[in-house]
């Protein structure tokens, strides 16, 4: 007897502004080179955003690279007893 897996998908309506913009772009059609460039721009945008948020946390907590390099962050393991 096999188990049947059912997934419920509830679409969110209306579409987000990002989805609408991408649909407009797809409707016009883009070359492979343009598609790759757009993918890189999107990836760069989110990487920059994450980096800015991380920098904000570092500033709030007063972290610095020298402090983190000097900190012993290894996990202490219990020695195996035989």
N, C-alpha and C. Protein backbone atom coordinates (compact mmCIF):
# COMPACT_ATOMS: atom_id res chain seq x y z
N UNK A 1 0.85 -1.17 0.00
CA UNK A 1 0.00 0.00 0.00
C UNK A 1 0.89 1.23 0.00
N UNK A 2 0.66 2.13 -0.91
CA UNK A 2 1.48 3.32 -0.99
C UNK A 2 0.74 4.50 -0.38
N UNK A 3 1.51 5.33 0.27
CA UNK A 3 0.93 6.53 0.88
C UNK A 3 0.79 7.60 -0.18
N UNK A 4 -0.35 8.22 -0.17
CA UNK A 4 -0.58 9.29 -1.14
C UNK A 4 -0.27 10.63 -0.46
N UNK A 5 0.55 11.41 -1.11
CA UNK A 5 0.92 12.71 -0.58
C UNK A 5 0.19 13.77 -1.38
N UNK A 6 -0.52 14.60 -0.66
CA UNK A 6 -1.21 15.69 -1.35
C UNK A 6 -0.70 17.00 -0.80
N UNK A 7 -0.47 17.91 -1.69
CA UNK A 7 0.01 19.23 -1.31
C UNK A 7 -1.10 20.23 -1.59
N UNK A 8 -1.35 21.04 -0.61
CA UNK A 8 -2.32 22.09 -0.84
C UNK A 8 -1.59 23.37 -1.15
N UNK A 9 -1.98 23.94 -2.23
CA UNK A 9 -1.38 25.20 -2.66
C UNK A 9 -2.48 26.24 -2.68
N UNK A 10 -2.28 27.26 -1.89
CA UNK A 10 -3.27 28.33 -1.90
C UNK A 10 -2.60 29.56 -2.50
N UNK A 11 -2.94 29.87 -3.74
CA UNK A 11 -2.28 31.01 -4.39
C UNK A 11 -2.63 32.31 -3.70
N UNK A 12 -1.65 33.17 -3.61
CA UNK A 12 -1.85 34.49 -3.04
C UNK A 12 -2.31 35.43 -4.15
N UNK A 13 -3.41 36.04 -3.95
CA UNK A 13 -3.90 37.00 -4.93
C UNK A 13 -4.06 38.32 -4.24
N UNK A 14 -3.82 39.39 -4.82
CA UNK A 14 -3.23 39.55 -6.14
C UNK A 14 -1.72 39.30 -6.10
N UNK A 15 -1.13 39.29 -7.25
CA UNK A 15 0.32 39.08 -7.34
C UNK A 15 1.06 40.28 -6.76
N UNK A 16 2.26 39.98 -6.30
CA UNK A 16 3.09 41.06 -5.76
C UNK A 16 3.59 41.96 -6.89
N UNK A 17 4.07 43.12 -6.53
CA UNK A 17 4.60 44.04 -7.54
C UNK A 17 5.80 43.42 -8.27
N UNK A 18 6.58 42.62 -7.56
CA UNK A 18 7.73 41.95 -8.17
C UNK A 18 7.27 40.93 -9.20
N UNK A 19 6.26 40.14 -8.86
CA UNK A 19 5.75 39.14 -9.80
C UNK A 19 5.19 39.81 -11.06
N UNK A 20 4.46 40.88 -10.88
CA UNK A 20 3.89 41.58 -12.03
C UNK A 20 4.98 42.14 -12.94
N UNK A 21 6.01 42.71 -12.34
CA UNK A 21 7.10 43.26 -13.14
C UNK A 21 7.82 42.17 -13.91
N UNK A 22 8.06 41.03 -13.27
CA UNK A 22 8.73 39.92 -13.95
C UNK A 22 7.87 39.36 -15.09
N UNK A 23 6.56 39.29 -14.87
CA UNK A 23 5.68 38.82 -15.94
C UNK A 23 5.72 39.75 -17.14
N UNK A 24 5.78 41.05 -16.90
CA UNK A 24 5.89 42.01 -18.00
C UNK A 24 7.20 41.78 -18.76
N UNK A 25 8.26 41.54 -18.02
CA UNK A 25 9.56 41.30 -18.64
C UNK A 25 9.52 40.03 -19.48
N UNK A 26 8.95 38.96 -18.94
CA UNK A 26 8.88 37.70 -19.67
C UNK A 26 8.03 37.84 -20.92
N UNK A 27 6.99 38.63 -20.86
CA UNK A 27 6.11 38.82 -22.02
C UNK A 27 6.88 39.45 -23.19
N UNK A 28 7.83 40.32 -22.88
CA UNK A 28 8.64 40.95 -23.92
C UNK A 28 9.70 40.02 -24.45
N UNK A 29 10.08 39.05 -23.67
CA UNK A 29 11.13 38.12 -24.07
C UNK A 29 12.50 38.76 -23.92
N UNK A 30 13.44 38.03 -23.40
CA UNK A 30 14.80 38.54 -23.23
C UNK A 30 15.79 37.48 -23.72
N UNK A 31 16.94 37.94 -24.13
CA UNK A 31 17.98 37.02 -24.60
C UNK A 31 18.59 36.30 -23.39
N UNK A 32 19.28 35.22 -23.67
CA UNK A 32 19.96 34.48 -22.59
C UNK A 32 20.97 35.35 -21.88
N UNK A 33 21.70 36.18 -22.63
CA UNK A 33 22.68 37.07 -22.02
C UNK A 33 22.01 38.07 -21.09
N UNK A 34 20.88 38.64 -21.55
CA UNK A 34 20.15 39.58 -20.70
C UNK A 34 19.59 38.88 -19.46
N UNK A 35 19.10 37.68 -19.64
CA UNK A 35 18.55 36.93 -18.51
C UNK A 35 19.62 36.69 -17.46
N UNK A 36 20.81 36.30 -17.89
CA UNK A 36 21.91 36.07 -16.94
C UNK A 36 22.31 37.37 -16.25
N UNK A 37 22.33 38.46 -16.99
CA UNK A 37 22.68 39.76 -16.40
C UNK A 37 21.63 40.17 -15.36
N UNK A 38 20.37 39.92 -15.66
CA UNK A 38 19.29 40.25 -14.72
C UNK A 38 19.41 39.38 -13.47
N UNK A 39 19.71 38.12 -13.63
CA UNK A 39 19.89 37.22 -12.49
C UNK A 39 21.04 37.70 -11.60
N UNK A 40 22.13 38.14 -12.24
CA UNK A 40 23.26 38.66 -11.46
C UNK A 40 22.88 39.93 -10.71
N UNK A 41 22.11 40.80 -11.36
CA UNK A 41 21.68 42.05 -10.70
C UNK A 41 20.79 41.75 -9.49
N UNK A 42 19.88 40.80 -9.65
CA UNK A 42 19.00 40.44 -8.54
C UNK A 42 19.82 39.83 -7.40
N UNK A 43 20.73 38.94 -7.74
CA UNK A 43 21.58 38.32 -6.71
C UNK A 43 22.42 39.37 -6.00
N UNK A 44 22.99 40.30 -6.75
CA UNK A 44 23.81 41.38 -6.16
C UNK A 44 22.97 42.25 -5.23
N UNK A 45 21.74 42.56 -5.66
CA UNK A 45 20.84 43.38 -4.85
C UNK A 45 20.61 42.73 -3.48
N UNK A 46 20.25 41.44 -3.48
CA UNK A 46 19.97 40.78 -2.21
C UNK A 46 21.24 40.56 -1.39
N UNK A 47 22.37 40.33 -2.03
CA UNK A 47 23.63 40.20 -1.31
C UNK A 47 24.01 41.52 -0.64
N UNK A 48 23.86 42.62 -1.37
CA UNK A 48 24.15 43.94 -0.80
C UNK A 48 23.21 44.26 0.36
N UNK A 49 21.94 43.90 0.21
CA UNK A 49 20.96 44.14 1.25
C UNK A 49 21.31 43.35 2.51
N UNK A 50 21.65 42.08 2.35
CA UNK A 50 22.03 41.25 3.50
C UNK A 50 23.30 41.77 4.15
N UNK A 51 24.25 42.20 3.35
CA UNK A 51 25.50 42.75 3.88
C UNK A 51 25.24 44.02 4.69
N UNK A 52 24.37 44.88 4.19
CA UNK A 52 24.04 46.12 4.91
C UNK A 52 23.35 45.82 6.24
N UNK A 53 22.46 44.83 6.24
CA UNK A 53 21.79 44.44 7.48
C UNK A 53 22.78 43.84 8.47
N UNK A 54 23.70 43.02 7.98
CA UNK A 54 24.72 42.44 8.85
C UNK A 54 25.62 43.54 9.43
N UNK A 55 25.99 44.51 8.61
CA UNK A 55 26.81 45.62 9.08
C UNK A 55 26.09 46.41 10.17
N UNK A 56 24.78 46.57 10.01
CA UNK A 56 23.99 47.28 11.01
C UNK A 56 24.02 46.55 12.35
N UNK A 57 23.90 45.23 12.31
CA UNK A 57 23.96 44.44 13.54
C UNK A 57 25.35 44.54 14.17
N UNK A 58 26.39 44.46 13.34
CA UNK A 58 27.76 44.59 13.85
C UNK A 58 27.92 45.93 14.57
N UNK A 59 27.41 46.99 13.94
CA UNK A 59 27.54 48.32 14.53
C UNK A 59 26.77 48.41 15.85
N UNK A 60 25.56 47.84 15.88
CA UNK A 60 24.75 47.87 17.10
C UNK A 60 25.42 47.11 18.23
N UNK A 61 26.03 45.96 17.93
CA UNK A 61 26.65 45.11 18.94
C UNK A 61 28.09 45.52 19.25
N UNK A 62 28.64 46.42 18.44
CA UNK A 62 30.02 46.84 18.67
C UNK A 62 31.05 45.81 18.26
N UNK A 63 30.72 44.93 17.33
CA UNK A 63 31.65 43.91 16.87
C UNK A 63 32.71 44.54 15.97
N UNK A 64 33.86 43.87 15.92
CA UNK A 64 34.88 44.22 14.94
C UNK A 64 35.62 42.95 14.54
N UNK A 65 36.26 42.97 13.39
CA UNK A 65 36.90 41.77 12.85
C UNK A 65 38.01 41.27 13.76
N UNK A 66 38.80 42.17 14.31
CA UNK A 66 39.92 41.76 15.18
C UNK A 66 39.40 41.00 16.39
N UNK A 67 38.32 41.48 16.98
CA UNK A 67 37.72 40.83 18.14
C UNK A 67 37.26 39.41 17.78
N UNK A 68 36.62 39.26 16.65
CA UNK A 68 36.12 37.94 16.26
C UNK A 68 37.25 36.98 15.91
N UNK A 69 38.33 37.49 15.35
CA UNK A 69 39.46 36.62 15.02
C UNK A 69 40.17 36.12 16.26
N UNK A 70 40.13 36.89 17.32
CA UNK A 70 40.81 36.50 18.55
C UNK A 70 39.94 35.60 19.43
N UNK A 71 38.65 35.59 19.19
CA UNK A 71 37.73 34.82 20.01
C UNK A 71 37.79 33.35 19.64
N UNK A 72 37.84 32.49 20.67
CA UNK A 72 37.84 31.05 20.44
C UNK A 72 36.40 30.60 20.28
N UNK A 73 36.02 30.26 19.04
CA UNK A 73 34.64 29.92 18.75
C UNK A 73 34.45 28.43 18.50
N UNK A 74 35.46 27.64 18.82
CA UNK A 74 35.35 26.20 18.60
C UNK A 74 34.39 25.58 19.60
N UNK A 75 33.74 24.52 19.17
CA UNK A 75 32.85 23.77 20.05
C UNK A 75 33.67 22.87 20.94
N UNK A 76 33.39 22.93 22.22
CA UNK A 76 34.09 22.05 23.16
C UNK A 76 33.42 20.68 23.13
N UNK A 77 34.18 19.65 22.81
CA UNK A 77 33.66 18.30 22.76
C UNK A 77 34.11 17.55 23.98
N UNK A 78 33.22 16.68 24.47
CA UNK A 78 33.58 15.82 25.60
C UNK A 78 34.50 14.75 25.08
N UNK A 79 35.52 14.41 25.86
CA UNK A 79 36.43 13.37 25.42
C UNK A 79 35.73 12.02 25.53
N UNK A 80 36.01 11.17 24.60
CA UNK A 80 35.39 9.84 24.57
C UNK A 80 35.99 9.00 25.68
N UNK A 81 35.14 8.46 26.52
CA UNK A 81 35.60 7.59 27.61
C UNK A 81 35.39 6.14 27.20
N UNK A 82 36.43 5.38 27.34
CA UNK A 82 36.35 3.96 26.95
C UNK A 82 36.34 3.07 28.14
